C-alpha atoms as a PDB file:
ATOM      1  CA  MET A   1     166.938  47.156  40.340  1.00  0.00           C
ATOM      2  CA  PRO A   2     163.304  46.292  41.143  1.00  0.00           C
ATOM      3  CA  ARG A   3     162.195  42.903  39.854  1.00  0.00           C
ATOM      4  CA  LYS A   4     160.303  42.520  36.971  1.00  0.00           C
ATOM      5  CA  LYS A   5     157.197  41.114  38.958  1.00  0.00           C
ATOM      6  CA  GLN A   6     157.194  43.917  41.397  1.00  0.00           C
ATOM      7  CA  ILE A   7     157.323  46.530  38.094  1.00  0.00           C
ATOM      8  CA  VAL A   8     153.992  44.638  36.967  1.00  0.00           C
ATOM      9  CA  GLN A   9     152.027  45.033  40.459  1.00  0.00           C
ATOM     10  CA  LYS A  10     152.882  48.552  40.285  1.00  0.00           C
ATOM     11  CA  GLN A  11     151.730  49.337  37.114  1.00  0.00           C
ATOM     12  CA  ARG A  12     148.374  47.564  38.113  1.00  0.00           C
ATOM     13  CA  ARG A  13     147.927  49.788  41.056  1.00  0.00           C
ATOM     14  CA  ARG A  14     147.693  52.725  38.949  1.00  0.00           C
ATOM     15  CA  LYS A  15     144.529  54.091  38.001  1.00  0.00           C
ATOM     16  CA  VAL A  16     144.015  54.970  34.234  1.00  0.00           C
ATOM     17  CA  TYR A  17     141.640  58.356  33.890  1.00  0.00           C
ATOM     18  CA  ARG A  18     139.592  58.716  30.897  1.00  0.00           C
ATOM     19  CA  GLU A  19     139.384  62.243  29.246  1.00  0.00           C
ATOM     20  CA  GLY A  20     137.147  64.443  31.570  1.00  0.00           C
ATOM     21  CA  GLU A  21     137.667  62.534  34.567  1.00  0.00           C
ATOM     22  CA  PHE A  22     139.158  65.474  36.173  1.00  0.00           C
ATOM     23  CA  SER A  23     135.967  67.742  35.755  1.00  0.00           C
ATOM     24  CA  GLY A  24     134.392  69.101  38.973  1.00  0.00           C
ATOM     25  CA  GLU A  25     132.253  66.079  38.681  1.00  0.00           C
ATOM     26  CA  ALA A  26     134.706  63.735  39.012  1.00  0.00           C
ATOM     27  CA  THR A  27     136.865  65.328  41.682  1.00  0.00           C
ATOM     28  CA  LYS A  28     134.110  65.378  44.283  1.00  0.00           C
ATOM     29  CA  VAL A  29     134.451  63.729  47.545  1.00  0.00           C
ATOM     30  CA  LYS A  30     131.651  61.357  48.481  1.00  0.00           C
ATOM     31  CA  PRO A  31     130.945  61.540  52.475  1.00  0.00           C
ATOM     32  CA  LYS A  32     130.547  58.551  54.305  1.00  0.00           C
ATOM     33  CA  GLY A  33     128.263  57.664  57.748  1.00  0.00           C
ATOM     34  CA  PHE A  34     127.443  60.297  59.763  1.00  0.00           C
ATOM     35  CA  PHE A  35     128.934  62.871  57.722  1.00  0.00           C
ATOM     36  CA  LYS A  36     126.540  62.295  54.972  1.00  0.00           C
ATOM     37  CA  VAL A  37     124.127  64.446  56.825  1.00  0.00           C
ATOM     38  CA  PHE A  38     125.787  67.468  56.451  1.00  0.00           C
ATOM     39  CA  PHE A  39     125.627  67.297  52.507  1.00  0.00           C
ATOM     40  CA  SER A  40     121.925  66.716  52.544  1.00  0.00           C
ATOM     41  CA  TYR A  41     120.380  70.272  52.692  1.00  0.00           C
ATOM     42  CA  ARG A  42     116.919  69.008  53.270  1.00  0.00           C
ATOM     43  CA  THR A  43     117.980  66.764  56.089  1.00  0.00           C
ATOM     44  CA  PHE A  44     120.162  69.216  57.812  1.00  0.00           C
ATOM     45  CA  ALA A  45     117.538  71.905  57.832  1.00  0.00           C
ATOM     46  CA  ILE A  46     115.205  69.505  59.544  1.00  0.00           C
ATOM     47  CA  ILE A  47     117.896  68.670  62.426  1.00  0.00           C
ATOM     48  CA  GLY A  48     118.246  72.494  62.858  1.00  0.00           C
ATOM     49  CA  VAL A  49     114.395  73.106  63.051  1.00  0.00           C
ATOM     50  CA  VAL A  50     114.082  70.450  65.691  1.00  0.00           C
ATOM     51  CA  ALA A  51     116.902  71.417  67.666  1.00  0.00           C
ATOM     52  CA  LEU A  52     116.032  75.180  67.858  1.00  0.00           C
ATOM     53  CA  GLY A  53     112.628  74.026  69.091  1.00  0.00           C
ATOM     54  CA  ALA A  54     113.797  72.018  71.691  1.00  0.00           C
ATOM     55  CA  GLY A  55     116.158  74.720  72.890  1.00  0.00           C
ATOM     56  CA  LEU A  56     112.652  77.433  73.053  1.00  0.00           C
ATOM     57  CA  LEU A  57     111.080  74.706  75.150  1.00  0.00           C
ATOM     58  CA  ILE A  58     113.975  74.260  77.655  1.00  0.00           C
ATOM     59  CA  SER A  59     114.290  77.959  77.932  1.00  0.00           C
ATOM     60  CA  ALA A  60     110.591  78.212  78.597  1.00  0.00           C
ATOM     61  CA  PHE A  61     110.793  75.796  81.050  1.00  0.00           C
ATOM     62  CA  TYR A  62     113.348  77.373  83.257  1.00  0.00           C
ATOM     63  CA  ALA A  63     112.167  80.670  82.852  1.00  0.00           C
ATOM     64  CA  GLY A  64     108.844  79.722  84.412  1.00  0.00           C
ATOM     65  CA  SER A  65     110.467  77.571  87.304  1.00  0.00           C
ATOM     66  CA  GLY A  66     112.353  80.425  89.162  1.00  0.00           C
ATOM     67  CA  THR A  67     110.622  83.912  88.384  1.00  0.00           C
ATOM     68  CA  ALA A  68     108.343  85.912  90.277  1.00  0.00           C
ATOM     69  CA  GLY A  69     105.088  83.988  91.786  1.00  0.00           C
ATOM     70  CA  ARG A  70     107.299  81.512  93.506  1.00  0.00           C
ATOM     71  CA  ASN A  71     108.116  81.191  97.201  1.00  0.00           C
ATOM     72  CA  ASP A  72     111.911  81.037  96.703  1.00  0.00           C
ATOM     73  CA  ASP A  73     112.571  84.275  94.921  1.00  0.00           C
ATOM     74  CA  GLY A  74     110.615  86.842  96.782  1.00  0.00           C
ATOM     75  CA  SER A  75     106.918  86.158  96.178  1.00  0.00           C
ATOM     76  CA  VAL A  76     104.558  84.905  98.583  1.00  0.00           C
ATOM     77  CA  ARG A  77     102.221  82.414  96.740  1.00  0.00           C
ATOM     78  CA  GLY A  78     102.852  79.502  94.885  1.00  0.00           C
ATOM     79  CA  PRO A  79     101.233  78.678  91.307  1.00  0.00           C
ATOM     80  CA  ASP A  80      97.784  77.561  91.105  1.00  0.00           C
ATOM     81  CA  VAL A  81      96.333  78.551  94.274  1.00  0.00           C
ATOM     82  CA  ILE A  82      94.001  81.661  93.536  1.00  0.00           C
ATOM     83  CA  ARG A  83      90.597  81.145  95.400  1.00  0.00           C
ATOM     84  CA  LYS A  84      87.978  83.921  95.134  1.00  0.00           C
ATOM     85  CA  THR A  85      85.784  84.719  98.467  1.00  0.00           C
ATOM     86  CA  THR A  86      82.658  86.858  96.553  1.00  0.00           C
ATOM     87  CA  GLU A  87      81.226  88.087  99.931  1.00  0.00           C
ATOM     88  CA  PRO A  88      83.691  89.673 102.616  1.00  0.00           C
ATOM     89  CA  GLN A  89      81.130  89.250 105.170  1.00  0.00           C
ATOM     90  CA  ALA A  90      81.567  85.328 104.902  1.00  0.00           C
ATOM     91  CA  THR A  91      82.533  83.255 107.511  1.00  0.00           C
ATOM     92  CA  PRO A  92      86.434  82.844 107.558  1.00  0.00           C
ATOM     93  CA  ASP A  93      87.595  79.525 106.532  1.00  0.00           C
ATOM     94  CA  PRO A  94      89.385  77.983 109.492  1.00  0.00           C
ATOM     95  CA  ASP A  95      92.074  76.085 107.178  1.00  0.00           C
ATOM     96  CA  SER A  96      92.719  79.185 104.901  1.00  0.00           C
ATOM     97  CA  GLY A  97      95.087  80.700 107.488  1.00  0.00           C
ATOM     98  CA  ALA A  98      98.229  78.936 105.766  1.00  0.00           C
ATOM     99  CA  SER A  99      96.640  77.639 102.799  1.00  0.00           C
ATOM    100  CA  GLY A 100      98.580  79.962 100.301  1.00  0.00           C
ATOM    101  CA  ASN A 101      95.446  81.264  98.762  1.00  0.00           C
ATOM    102  CA  ILE A 102      95.178  84.578  97.329  1.00  0.00           C
ATOM    103  CA  LYS A 103      91.611  85.668  98.242  1.00  0.00           C
ATOM    104  CA  GLN A 104      89.639  88.438  96.432  1.00  0.00           C
ATOM    105  CA  TYR A 105      86.752  90.222  97.325  1.00  0.00           C
ATOM    106  CA  SER A 106      83.903  91.873  95.549  1.00  0.00           C
ATOM    107  CA  ALA A 107      83.460  94.805  97.629  1.00  0.00           C
ATOM    108  CA  PRO A 108      85.000  96.211 100.901  1.00  0.00           C
ATOM    109  CA  PRO A 109      83.563  94.938 104.217  1.00  0.00           C
ATOM    110  CA  GLN A 110      80.630  95.873 106.205  1.00  0.00           C
ATOM    111  CA  MET A 111      81.630  97.903 109.585  1.00  0.00           C
ATOM    112  CA  SER A 112      82.079  95.565 112.149  1.00  0.00           C
ATOM    113  CA  ILE A 113      84.394  97.228 114.848  1.00  0.00           C
ATOM    114  CA  ASP A 114      83.166  99.534 117.499  1.00  0.00           C
ATOM    115  CA  PRO A 115      85.270 102.606 116.764  1.00  0.00           C
ATOM    116  CA  SER A 116      84.847 103.805 120.617  1.00  0.00           C
ATOM    117  CA  LYS A 117      86.938 100.474 121.718  1.00  0.00           C
ATOM    118  CA  ARG A 118      90.511 100.019 121.617  1.00  0.00           C
ATOM    119  CA  TYR A 119      92.052  97.591 119.243  1.00  0.00           C
ATOM    120  CA  PHE A 120      95.571  95.779 119.034  1.00  0.00           C
ATOM    121  CA  ALA A 121      97.040  94.040 116.340  1.00  0.00           C
ATOM    122  CA  THR A 122      99.851  91.643 116.748  1.00  0.00           C
ATOM    123  CA  ILE A 123     101.868  90.864 113.521  1.00  0.00           C
ATOM    124  CA  ARG A 124     103.647  87.742 114.176  1.00  0.00           C
ATOM    125  CA  THR A 125     106.750  87.060 111.933  1.00  0.00           C
ATOM    126  CA  GLU A 126     109.940  84.286 112.013  1.00  0.00           C
ATOM    127  CA  LYS A 127     111.762  87.562 113.276  1.00  0.00           C
ATOM    128  CA  GLY A 128     109.301  88.378 116.343  1.00  0.00           C
ATOM    129  CA  ASP A 129     106.122  89.857 116.941  1.00  0.00           C
ATOM    130  CA  ILE A 130     105.152  93.330 116.041  1.00  0.00           C
ATOM    131  CA  ARG A 131     102.273  94.866 118.376  1.00  0.00           C
ATOM    132  CA  ILE A 132     100.491  97.757 117.012  1.00  0.00           C
ATOM    133  CA  GLU A 133      97.694  99.780 118.515  1.00  0.00           C
ATOM    134  CA  LEU A 134      95.101 100.749 115.865  1.00  0.00           C
ATOM    135  CA  PHE A 135      93.345 103.944 115.568  1.00  0.00           C
ATOM    136  CA  ALA A 136      89.805 102.912 115.412  1.00  0.00           C
ATOM    137  CA  ASP A 137      88.465 106.276 116.363  1.00  0.00           C
ATOM    138  CA  GLN A 138      90.342 108.193 113.995  1.00  0.00           C
ATOM    139  CA  ALA A 139      90.192 105.937 110.666  1.00  0.00           C
ATOM    140  CA  PRO A 140      87.307 103.637 111.454  1.00  0.00           C
ATOM    141  CA  THR A 141      86.848 102.632 108.033  1.00  0.00           C
ATOM    142  CA  ALA A 142      90.529 101.611 107.436  1.00  0.00           C
ATOM    143  CA  VAL A 143      90.857  99.974 110.659  1.00  0.00           C
ATOM    144  CA  ASN A 144      87.830  98.075 110.226  1.00  0.00           C
ATOM    145  CA  ASN A 145      89.102  96.896 106.872  1.00  0.00           C
ATOM    146  CA  PHE A 146      92.399  95.966 108.305  1.00  0.00           C
ATOM    147  CA  VAL A 147      90.778  94.011 111.138  1.00  0.00           C
ATOM    148  CA  PHE A 148      88.495  91.974 108.822  1.00  0.00           C
ATOM    149  CA  LEU A 149      91.232  91.059 106.428  1.00  0.00           C
ATOM    150  CA  ALA A 150      93.329  90.024 109.333  1.00  0.00           C
ATOM    151  CA  ARG A 151      90.764  87.884 110.906  1.00  0.00           C
ATOM    152  CA  ASP A 152      90.003  86.404 107.464  1.00  0.00           C
ATOM    153  CA  GLY A 153      93.725  85.284 106.831  1.00  0.00           C
ATOM    154  CA  PHE A 154      94.240  87.391 104.319  1.00  0.00           C
ATOM    155  CA  TYR A 155      97.795  88.473 105.398  1.00  0.00           C
ATOM    156  CA  ASP A 156      99.004  85.054 106.437  1.00  0.00           C
ATOM    157  CA  GLY A 157     102.054  84.162 104.254  1.00  0.00           C
ATOM    158  CA  VAL A 158     102.335  87.665 102.841  1.00  0.00           C
ATOM    159  CA  THR A 159     105.721  89.081 102.825  1.00  0.00           C
ATOM    160  CA  PHE A 160     107.099  92.562 103.653  1.00  0.00           C
ATOM    161  CA  PHE A 161     107.993  92.702  99.976  1.00  0.00           C
ATOM    162  CA  ARG A 162     109.488  96.474 100.116  1.00  0.00           C
ATOM    163  CA  VAL A 163     111.760  97.432 102.902  1.00  0.00           C
ATOM    164  CA  ILE A 164     113.766 100.556 102.755  1.00  0.00           C
ATOM    165  CA  GLU A 165     116.127 101.458 104.954  1.00  0.00           C
ATOM    166  CA  ASP A 166     115.587 104.518 107.140  1.00  0.00           C
ATOM    167  CA  PHE A 167     112.172 104.907 105.310  1.00  0.00           C
ATOM    168  CA  VAL A 168     109.387 102.110 105.590  1.00  0.00           C
ATOM    169  CA  ALA A 169     108.548  98.648 105.590  1.00  0.00           C
ATOM    170  CA  GLN A 170     105.680  97.791 103.570  1.00  0.00           C
ATOM    171  CA  THR A 171     103.635  94.654 103.196  1.00  0.00           C
ATOM    172  CA  GLY A 172      99.967  93.506 102.345  1.00  0.00           C
ATOM    173  CA  ASP A 173     100.104  92.630  98.696  1.00  0.00           C
ATOM    174  CA  PRO A 174      99.715  89.002  98.179  1.00  0.00           C
ATOM    175  CA  THR A 175     101.436  89.135  94.711  1.00  0.00           C
ATOM    176  CA  GLY A 176     104.785  90.330  96.562  1.00  0.00           C
ATOM    177  CA  THR A 177     104.936  92.848  93.485  1.00  0.00           C
ATOM    178  CA  GLY A 178     103.579  95.958  95.171  1.00  0.00           C
ATOM    179  CA  SER A 179     100.590  96.291  92.606  1.00  0.00           C
ATOM    180  CA  GLY A 180      97.990  93.501  94.311  1.00  0.00           C
ATOM    181  CA  GLY A 181      95.339  93.821  96.747  1.00  0.00           C
ATOM    182  CA  PRO A 182      91.960  92.452  97.911  1.00  0.00           C
ATOM    183  CA  GLY A 183      90.060  93.354  94.593  1.00  0.00           C
ATOM    184  CA  TYR A 184      88.962  96.926  96.173  1.00  0.00           C
ATOM    185  CA  THR A 185      90.022 100.307  97.008  1.00  0.00           C
ATOM    186  CA  LEU A 186      89.481 102.367  99.993  1.00  0.00           C
ATOM    187  CA  PRO A 187      88.506 105.971 100.486  1.00  0.00           C
ATOM    188  CA  VAL A 188      91.185 108.285 101.996  1.00  0.00           C
ATOM    189  CA  GLU A 189      90.664 109.268 105.527  1.00  0.00           C
ATOM    190  CA  ASN A 190      92.578 112.328 106.844  1.00  0.00           C
ATOM    191  CA  THR A 191      94.429 111.819 110.085  1.00  0.00           C
ATOM    192  CA  ASP A 192      96.167 114.302 112.041  1.00  0.00           C
ATOM    193  CA  ASP A 193      98.721 111.848 113.432  1.00  0.00           C
ATOM    194  CA  GLU A 194     102.275 112.509 112.415  1.00  0.00           C
ATOM    195  CA  PHE A 195     104.274 109.829 110.801  1.00  0.00           C
ATOM    196  CA  VAL A 196     106.856 109.531 113.169  1.00  0.00           C
ATOM    197  CA  ALA A 197     108.818 106.092 113.307  1.00  0.00           C
ATOM    198  CA  GLY A 198     106.546 103.230 114.185  1.00  0.00           C
ATOM    199  CA  THR A 199     103.439 104.725 112.700  1.00  0.00           C
ATOM    200  CA  VAL A 200     101.644 102.511 110.705  1.00  0.00           C
ATOM    201  CA  GLY A 201      99.835 103.752 107.343  1.00  0.00           C
ATOM    202  CA  VAL A 202      97.577 102.633 104.694  1.00  0.00           C
ATOM    203  CA  ALA A 203      99.553 102.595 100.997  1.00  0.00           C
ATOM    204  CA  LYS A 204      98.249 104.643  98.021  1.00  0.00           C
ATOM    205  CA  PRO A 205      99.607 105.513  94.715  1.00  0.00           C
ATOM    206  CA  ASP A 206     101.545 108.241  94.647  1.00  0.00           C
ATOM    207  CA  ASP A 207      98.613 110.274  92.930  1.00  0.00           C
ATOM    208  CA  ALA A 208      97.157 112.348  95.734  1.00  0.00           C
ATOM    209  CA  SER A 209      93.647 112.143  94.264  1.00  0.00           C
ATOM    210  CA  SER A 210      94.087 108.277  94.080  1.00  0.00           C
ATOM    211  CA  PRO A 211      92.172 106.208  96.915  1.00  0.00           C
ATOM    212  CA  ASN A 212      93.989 103.825  99.275  1.00  0.00           C
ATOM    213  CA  ASN A 213      94.871 100.265  98.557  1.00  0.00           C
ATOM    214  CA  GLY A 214      92.676  97.856  99.837  1.00  0.00           C
ATOM    215  CA  SER A 215      95.129  95.892 101.686  1.00  0.00           C
ATOM    216  CA  GLN A 216      98.756  97.212 101.497  1.00  0.00           C
ATOM    217  CA  PHE A 217      99.997  99.009 104.606  1.00  0.00           C
ATOM    218  CA  PHE A 218     103.463 100.208 105.638  1.00  0.00           C
ATOM    219  CA  ILE A 219     105.620 101.015 109.034  1.00  0.00           C
ATOM    220  CA  THR A 220     107.686 103.760 108.815  1.00  0.00           C
ATOM    221  CA  ILE A 221     111.361 102.905 110.218  1.00  0.00           C
ATOM    222  CA  ASP A 222     112.049 106.811 110.795  1.00  0.00           C
ATOM    223  CA  ASP A 223     110.291 109.831 111.117  1.00  0.00           C
ATOM    224  CA  GLU A 224     108.712 110.773 107.847  1.00  0.00           C
ATOM    225  CA  PRO A 225     106.970 114.025 108.112  1.00  0.00           C
ATOM    226  CA  THR A 226     106.517 114.267 104.433  1.00  0.00           C
ATOM    227  CA  LEU A 227     103.721 111.503 104.713  1.00  0.00           C
ATOM    228  CA  THR A 228     101.664 113.262 107.290  1.00  0.00           C
ATOM    229  CA  GLY A 229      98.371 114.663 105.639  1.00  0.00           C
ATOM    230  CA  LYS A 230      98.789 112.718 102.523  1.00  0.00           C
ATOM    231  CA  ASN A 231      98.361 109.001 104.081  1.00  0.00           C
ATOM    232  CA  THR A 232      95.691 107.406 106.395  1.00  0.00           C
ATOM    233  CA  ALA A 233      97.513 106.302 109.659  1.00  0.00           C
ATOM    234  CA  ILE A 234      95.717 103.399 111.265  1.00  0.00           C
ATOM    235  CA  GLY A 235      98.016 102.736 114.006  1.00  0.00           C
ATOM    236  CA  ARG A 236     101.514 102.893 116.022  1.00  0.00           C
ATOM    237  CA  VAL A 237     103.898 100.319 117.015  1.00  0.00           C
ATOM    238  CA  VAL A 238     103.999 100.077 120.693  1.00  0.00           C
ATOM    239  CA  GLU A 239     106.161  96.720 120.766  1.00  0.00           C
ATOM    240  CA  GLY A 240     108.450  95.046 118.644  1.00  0.00           C
ATOM    241  CA  MET A 241     110.144  98.046 116.816  1.00  0.00           C
ATOM    242  CA  ASP A 242     113.509  96.344 116.968  1.00  0.00           C
ATOM    243  CA  VAL A 243     112.001  93.464 114.834  1.00  0.00           C
ATOM    244  CA  VAL A 244     110.904  96.298 111.968  1.00  0.00           C
ATOM    245  CA  GLN A 245     114.278  97.488 112.125  1.00  0.00           C
ATOM    246  CA  GLN A 246     115.414  93.819 111.457  1.00  0.00           C
ATOM    247  CA  LEU A 247     113.408  93.045 108.257  1.00  0.00           C
ATOM    248  CA  THR A 248     115.178  92.009 105.461  1.00  0.00           C
ATOM    249  CA  PRO A 249     115.981  95.039 103.200  1.00  0.00           C
ATOM    250  CA  ARG A 250     114.179  94.631  99.970  1.00  0.00           C
ATOM    251  CA  ASP A 251     113.096  96.767  96.873  1.00  0.00           C
ATOM    252  CA  PRO A 252     110.751  94.974  94.305  1.00  0.00           C
ATOM    253  CA  ARG A 253     111.891  97.377  91.623  1.00  0.00           C
ATOM    254  CA  PHE A 254     115.165  96.292  91.594  1.00  0.00           C
ATOM    255  CA  VAL A 255     115.533  92.886  93.667  1.00  0.00           C
ATOM    256  CA  ARG A 256     113.371  90.111  92.933  1.00  0.00           C
ATOM    257  CA  ASP A 257     115.491  87.314  94.223  1.00  0.00           C
ATOM    258  CA  VAL A 258     115.697  88.166  97.559  1.00  0.00           C
ATOM    259  CA  PRO A 259     112.817  86.786  99.652  1.00  0.00           C
ATOM    260  CA  GLY A 260     110.939  89.084 102.066  1.00  0.00           C
ATOM    261  CA  ASP A 261     110.192  88.098 105.381  1.00  0.00           C
ATOM    262  CA  ARG A 262     107.051  86.580 105.995  1.00  0.00           C
ATOM    263  CA  ILE A 263     104.059  87.193 108.152  1.00  0.00           C
ATOM    264  CA  GLU A 264     102.830  84.149 109.990  1.00  0.00           C
ATOM    265  CA  THR A 265      99.470  85.848 110.586  1.00  0.00           C
ATOM    266  CA  ILE A 266      98.069  88.917 112.493  1.00  0.00           C
ATOM    267  CA  VAL A 267      96.204  88.636 115.768  1.00  0.00           C
ATOM    268  CA  ILE A 268      93.499  91.277 116.577  1.00  0.00           C
ATOM    269  CA  GLU A 269      92.665  92.152 120.248  1.00  0.00           C
ATOM    270  CA  GLU A 270      89.553  94.082 121.267  1.00  0.00           C
ATOM    271  CA  GLN A 271      89.343  95.928 124.506  1.00  0.00           C
END
């Protein structure tokens, strides 16, 4: 049997409840420490708003650091590098060759080539050189424009943003999206040359009545008779067709994380 002293101690530990103490108010458990936050609706709401805002800021930062327009994911220019050249006849900036600037012009260049002479363009890439004989006598406006842009460094750093196997390798867009240009368009010059493998043509929208893009051009990888009479032919590859066939396949409509092969520069020769 328990001693009397022990019985007294147990009785002292007992809590004596008064009438009404077992109501809802009396049976609530009071949180302690950090858990008090979850029982304060105002404090909990403030923390939720702050967390949501921080999440949105972090998402926006990462979304802007790895999308189109950066050099590591298929684009050709970095951020904050736009420079406008207001006069296409202006003297080329010798330091602009690899500066990463997107040049924009107010109008097409004035005629500066002699259509009676022979012109060659050498496209230098990391995979090798592509040498093209230009059709200055057949498409003088388009060839003159190509020569001007090449000499002005417009194509330096631009990628082959669209390379479809057995079809074409397209370049000349400083944005790498397929919608960029120099700020102007060109009229379509009808040429009789068939678009066999290695033919260089000026890109244009699908609409037959649309003008040519001011800077984009393509090289046919295989014979494409369907392009004959629809696009302006400005030249043909005479050396380096193997380099064209080695260009990285890329379709900007579906693939944006595969970098296109970069043009280092285009050298023009006049004979």
